[in-house]
C-alpha atoms as a PDB file:
ATOM      1  CA  MET A   1     -25.348-120.955 140.455  1.00  0.00           C
ATOM      2  CA  SER A   2     -24.711-117.235 140.459  1.00  0.00           C
ATOM      3  CA  ASP A   3     -26.940-114.525 141.929  1.00  0.00           C
ATOM      4  CA  LYS A   4     -25.537-112.015 139.452  1.00  0.00           C
ATOM      5  CA  ARG A   5     -26.320-114.368 136.562  1.00  0.00           C
ATOM      6  CA  ALA A   6     -29.817-115.005 137.974  1.00  0.00           C
ATOM      7  CA  ALA A   7     -30.572-111.271 138.026  1.00  0.00           C
ATOM      8  CA  LYS A   8     -29.312-110.905 134.451  1.00  0.00           C
ATOM      9  CA  ASP A   9     -31.330-113.925 133.254  1.00  0.00           C
ATOM     10  CA  GLU A  10     -34.503-112.570 134.867  1.00  0.00           C
ATOM     11  CA  ALA A  11     -33.997-109.130 133.339  1.00  0.00           C
ATOM     12  CA  MET A  12     -33.368-110.573 129.866  1.00  0.00           C
ATOM     13  CA  ARG A  13     -36.420-112.865 130.088  1.00  0.00           C
ATOM     14  CA  LYS A  14     -38.635-109.923 131.088  1.00  0.00           C
ATOM     15  CA  LYS A  15     -37.199-107.775 128.294  1.00  0.00           C
ATOM     16  CA  GLY A  16     -37.932-110.561 125.793  1.00  0.00           C
ATOM     17  CA  LEU A  17     -41.493-110.835 127.112  1.00  0.00           C
ATOM     18  CA  GLN A  18     -41.995-107.087 126.661  1.00  0.00           C
ATOM     19  CA  ARG A  19     -40.880-107.373 123.034  1.00  0.00           C
ATOM     20  CA  LEU A  20     -43.260-110.281 122.452  1.00  0.00           C
ATOM     21  CA  GLU A  21     -46.142-108.386 124.051  1.00  0.00           C
ATOM     22  CA  LYS A  22     -45.412-105.355 121.862  1.00  0.00           C
ATOM     23  CA  ARG A  23     -45.441-107.531 118.697  1.00  0.00           C
ATOM     24  CA  PHE A  24     -48.574-109.313 119.936  1.00  0.00           C
ATOM     25  CA  GLN A  25     -50.444-106.048 120.499  1.00  0.00           C
ATOM     26  CA  SER A  26     -49.406-104.695 117.107  1.00  0.00           C
ATOM     27  CA  GLY A  27     -50.756-107.842 115.413  1.00  0.00           C
ATOM     28  CA  LYS A  28     -47.374-108.798 113.928  1.00  0.00           C
ATOM     29  CA  LEU A  29     -47.279-112.284 115.486  1.00  0.00           C
ATOM     30  CA  THR A  30     -48.251-115.085 113.150  1.00  0.00           C
ATOM     31  CA  LYS A  31     -48.177-118.866 113.064  1.00  0.00           C
ATOM     32  CA  ALA A  32     -44.690-118.605 111.511  1.00  0.00           C
ATOM     33  CA  ASN A  33     -43.376-117.038 114.736  1.00  0.00           C
ATOM     34  CA  VAL A  34     -44.217-120.120 116.825  1.00  0.00           C
ATOM     35  CA  ASN A  35     -40.885-121.924 117.224  1.00  0.00           C
ATOM     36  CA  ASN A  36     -38.312-122.485 119.958  1.00  0.00           C
ATOM     37  CA  HIS A  37     -35.911-119.757 118.877  1.00  0.00           C
ATOM     38  CA  GLY A  38     -35.224-117.064 121.453  1.00  0.00           C
ATOM     39  CA  TYR A  39     -38.248-115.796 123.324  1.00  0.00           C
ATOM     40  CA  ASN A  40     -40.656-117.127 120.698  1.00  0.00           C
ATOM     41  CA  LYS A  41     -40.665-120.313 122.789  1.00  0.00           C
ATOM     42  CA  TYR A  42     -43.224-118.589 125.010  1.00  0.00           C
ATOM     43  CA  LEU A  43     -45.761-118.425 122.167  1.00  0.00           C
ATOM     44  CA  LYS A  44     -48.560-120.929 121.730  1.00  0.00           C
ATOM     45  CA  MET A  45     -51.303-121.351 119.161  1.00  0.00           C
ATOM     46  CA  ASP A  46     -54.950-121.417 120.189  1.00  0.00           C
ATOM     47  CA  GLY A  47     -57.098-123.059 117.552  1.00  0.00           C
ATOM     48  CA  ASP A  48     -56.081-122.619 113.944  1.00  0.00           C
ATOM     49  CA  VAL A  49     -54.872-119.027 113.776  1.00  0.00           C
ATOM     50  CA  SER A  50     -54.816-117.492 117.243  1.00  0.00           C
ATOM     51  CA  VAL A  51     -51.362-116.923 118.755  1.00  0.00           C
ATOM     52  CA  SER A  52     -50.868-116.008 122.424  1.00  0.00           C
ATOM     53  CA  ILE A  53     -48.096-115.810 125.019  1.00  0.00           C
ATOM     54  CA  ASP A  54     -47.752-118.879 127.250  1.00  0.00           C
ATOM     55  CA  MET A  55     -47.204-117.300 130.688  1.00  0.00           C
ATOM     56  CA  ASP A  56     -46.935-120.728 132.381  1.00  0.00           C
ATOM     57  CA  LYS A  57     -43.867-121.511 130.261  1.00  0.00           C
ATOM     58  CA  PHE A  58     -42.460-118.026 130.889  1.00  0.00           C
ATOM     59  CA  ASN A  59     -42.829-118.401 134.663  1.00  0.00           C
ATOM     60  CA  ALA A  60     -41.390-121.945 134.641  1.00  0.00           C
ATOM     61  CA  ASP A  61     -38.160-120.629 133.098  1.00  0.00           C
ATOM     62  CA  ALA A  62     -37.495-118.625 136.271  1.00  0.00           C
ATOM     63  CA  ALA A  63     -36.283-121.868 137.877  1.00  0.00           C
ATOM     64  CA  TRP A  64     -33.254-121.755 135.554  1.00  0.00           C
ATOM     65  CA  ASP A  65     -32.197-118.193 136.392  1.00  0.00           C
ATOM     66  CA  GLY A  66     -28.559-118.069 137.444  1.00  0.00           C
ATOM     67  CA  ILE A  67     -27.646-121.481 136.050  1.00  0.00           C
ATOM     68  CA  LYS A  68     -25.346-121.779 133.072  1.00  0.00           C
ATOM     69  CA  GLY A  69     -25.077-125.067 131.260  1.00  0.00           C
ATOM     70  CA  TYR A  70     -24.008-126.544 127.987  1.00  0.00           C
ATOM     71  CA  VAL A  71     -25.787-129.006 125.733  1.00  0.00           C
ATOM     72  CA  THR A  72     -23.474-131.477 124.019  1.00  0.00           C
ATOM     73  CA  ASN A  73     -23.818-134.589 121.945  1.00  0.00           C
ATOM     74  CA  THR A  74     -21.511-136.538 124.275  1.00  0.00           C
ATOM     75  CA  LYS A  75     -22.830-139.841 125.538  1.00  0.00           C
ATOM     76  CA  VAL A  76     -21.644-140.385 129.078  1.00  0.00           C
ATOM     77  CA  ARG A  77     -21.868-143.929 130.385  1.00  0.00           C
ATOM     78  CA  PRO A  78     -22.248-144.580 134.091  1.00  0.00           C
ATOM     79  CA  VAL A  79     -19.351-146.487 135.656  1.00  0.00           C
END
């Protein structure tokens, strides 16, 4: 856990949200944008064609600010 990393993570998440909001307001967000890449993970579809920003998911990510981890395919067995 690092306070410096937490501040950076928060700033980057907010910057990503601003970009999403700008694309949302311009009408450039489509169903094709809903995936888990980058900050698009905060998008959700309402009904068949309506795309919106999932603020609950955005706020939940704040719990991970300042934590750096790695995802591997290693299977660790308990001893």
